[in-house]
């Protein structure tokens, strides 16, 4: 590929329409390549996920003796630990 024309000292800071067109074409080509790479990555993720689901449905993957140990613990539910129930006022004024 031949190198792109460069600006001469007489038109410093300006580029010719041919250079502008070549730069725009290169920019569009790069964007197309980026989009293709993102689509390929998304497709690979979908294939891996489908494989994972197929394996879990079709094969015996459950361990019958090894666990993560969480069955030994029970936690008391506390949905709003930072609030004092005595500080909550649910009274309201209706029509006045």
Protein backbone atom coordinates (compact mmCIF):
# COMPACT_ATOMS: atom_id res chain seq x y z
CA UNK A 1 0.00 0.00 0.00
CA UNK A 2 1.42 3.39 -0.91
CA UNK A 3 1.84 5.99 1.82
CA UNK A 4 -0.74 8.76 2.08
CA UNK A 5 0.25 12.18 0.71
CA UNK A 6 1.38 14.61 3.37
CA UNK A 7 0.83 18.34 3.56
CA UNK A 8 3.40 20.60 2.00
CA UNK A 9 4.81 23.74 3.67
CA UNK A 10 2.47 25.89 1.56
CA UNK A 11 -0.70 24.30 2.94
CA UNK A 12 0.49 23.48 6.46
CA UNK A 13 -2.36 22.26 8.63
CA UNK A 14 -4.61 21.53 5.65
CA UNK A 15 -5.11 18.22 3.90
CA UNK A 16 -6.22 17.50 0.39
CA UNK A 17 -9.65 16.00 -0.35
CA UNK A 18 -7.93 12.75 -1.35
CA UNK A 19 -6.20 12.51 2.03
CA UNK A 20 -9.44 13.37 3.82
CA UNK A 21 -11.28 10.67 1.87
CA UNK A 22 -8.56 8.10 2.57
CA UNK A 23 -8.60 8.93 6.29
CA UNK A 24 -12.40 8.68 6.41
CA UNK A 25 -12.30 5.34 4.59
CA UNK A 26 -9.71 4.02 7.05
CA UNK A 27 -11.81 5.25 9.97
CA UNK A 28 -14.89 3.47 8.61
CA UNK A 29 -12.87 0.30 8.04
CA UNK A 30 -11.61 0.38 11.64
CA UNK A 31 -15.16 0.88 12.94
CA UNK A 32 -16.37 -2.07 10.87
CA UNK A 33 -13.57 -4.25 12.25
CA UNK A 34 -14.42 -3.20 15.82
CA UNK A 35 -18.10 -3.98 15.26
CA UNK A 36 -17.24 -7.39 13.81
CA UNK A 37 -15.00 -8.15 16.80
CA UNK A 38 -17.80 -7.23 19.22
CA UNK A 39 -20.28 -9.40 17.32
CA UNK A 40 -17.82 -12.32 17.37
CA UNK A 41 -17.29 -11.88 21.11
CA UNK A 42 -21.05 -11.83 21.74
CA UNK A 43 -21.51 -14.95 19.61
CA UNK A 44 -18.73 -16.77 21.50
CA UNK A 45 -20.41 -15.87 24.80
CA UNK A 46 -23.77 -17.19 23.55
CA UNK A 47 -22.16 -20.44 22.41
CA UNK A 48 -20.39 -20.91 25.77
CA UNK A 49 -23.62 -20.22 27.66
CA UNK A 50 -25.57 -22.68 25.50
CA UNK A 51 -22.86 -25.31 26.05
CA UNK A 52 -23.01 -24.75 29.80
CA UNK A 53 -26.79 -25.14 29.88
CA UNK A 54 -26.65 -28.24 27.66
CA UNK A 55 -24.04 -29.86 29.91
CA UNK A 56 -26.05 -29.10 33.06
CA UNK A 57 -29.22 -30.55 31.52
CA UNK A 58 -27.76 -33.59 29.78
CA UNK A 59 -24.94 -34.77 32.03
CA UNK A 60 -24.62 -35.71 35.69
CA UNK A 61 -22.64 -32.78 37.02
CA UNK A 62 -23.99 -32.61 40.56
CA UNK A 63 -21.65 -33.58 43.36
CA UNK A 64 -23.34 -35.81 45.88
CA UNK A 65 -20.79 -35.61 48.70
CA UNK A 66 -18.94 -32.33 48.30
CA UNK A 67 -20.70 -29.12 49.33
CA UNK A 68 -19.71 -25.52 49.91
CA UNK A 69 -20.44 -25.80 53.65
CA UNK A 70 -23.16 -23.13 53.76
CA UNK A 71 -25.77 -25.69 54.85
CA UNK A 72 -24.18 -25.54 58.34
CA UNK A 73 -25.21 -21.91 58.85
CA UNK A 74 -28.54 -20.19 59.44
CA UNK A 75 -28.84 -16.42 59.29
CA UNK A 76 -31.39 -14.25 61.06
CA UNK A 77 -33.06 -11.96 58.55
CA UNK A 78 -32.61 -8.27 59.32
CA UNK A 79 -33.80 -6.19 56.36
CA UNK A 80 -33.04 -2.70 57.77
CA UNK A 81 -30.28 -3.03 60.38
CA UNK A 82 -29.38 0.66 60.35
CA UNK A 83 -32.87 1.81 61.46
CA UNK A 84 -34.25 2.00 65.00
CA UNK A 85 -37.92 0.93 64.97
CA UNK A 86 -38.71 3.43 67.73
CA UNK A 87 -37.64 6.30 65.43
CA UNK A 88 -40.13 5.38 62.69
CA UNK A 89 -43.31 7.48 62.62
CA UNK A 90 -46.06 6.14 60.39
CA UNK A 91 -48.74 8.60 61.48
CA UNK A 92 -50.42 10.72 58.82
CA UNK A 93 -52.94 13.54 58.49
CA UNK A 94 -55.96 12.91 56.31
CA UNK A 95 -57.89 15.84 54.77
CA UNK A 96 -56.51 18.49 56.91
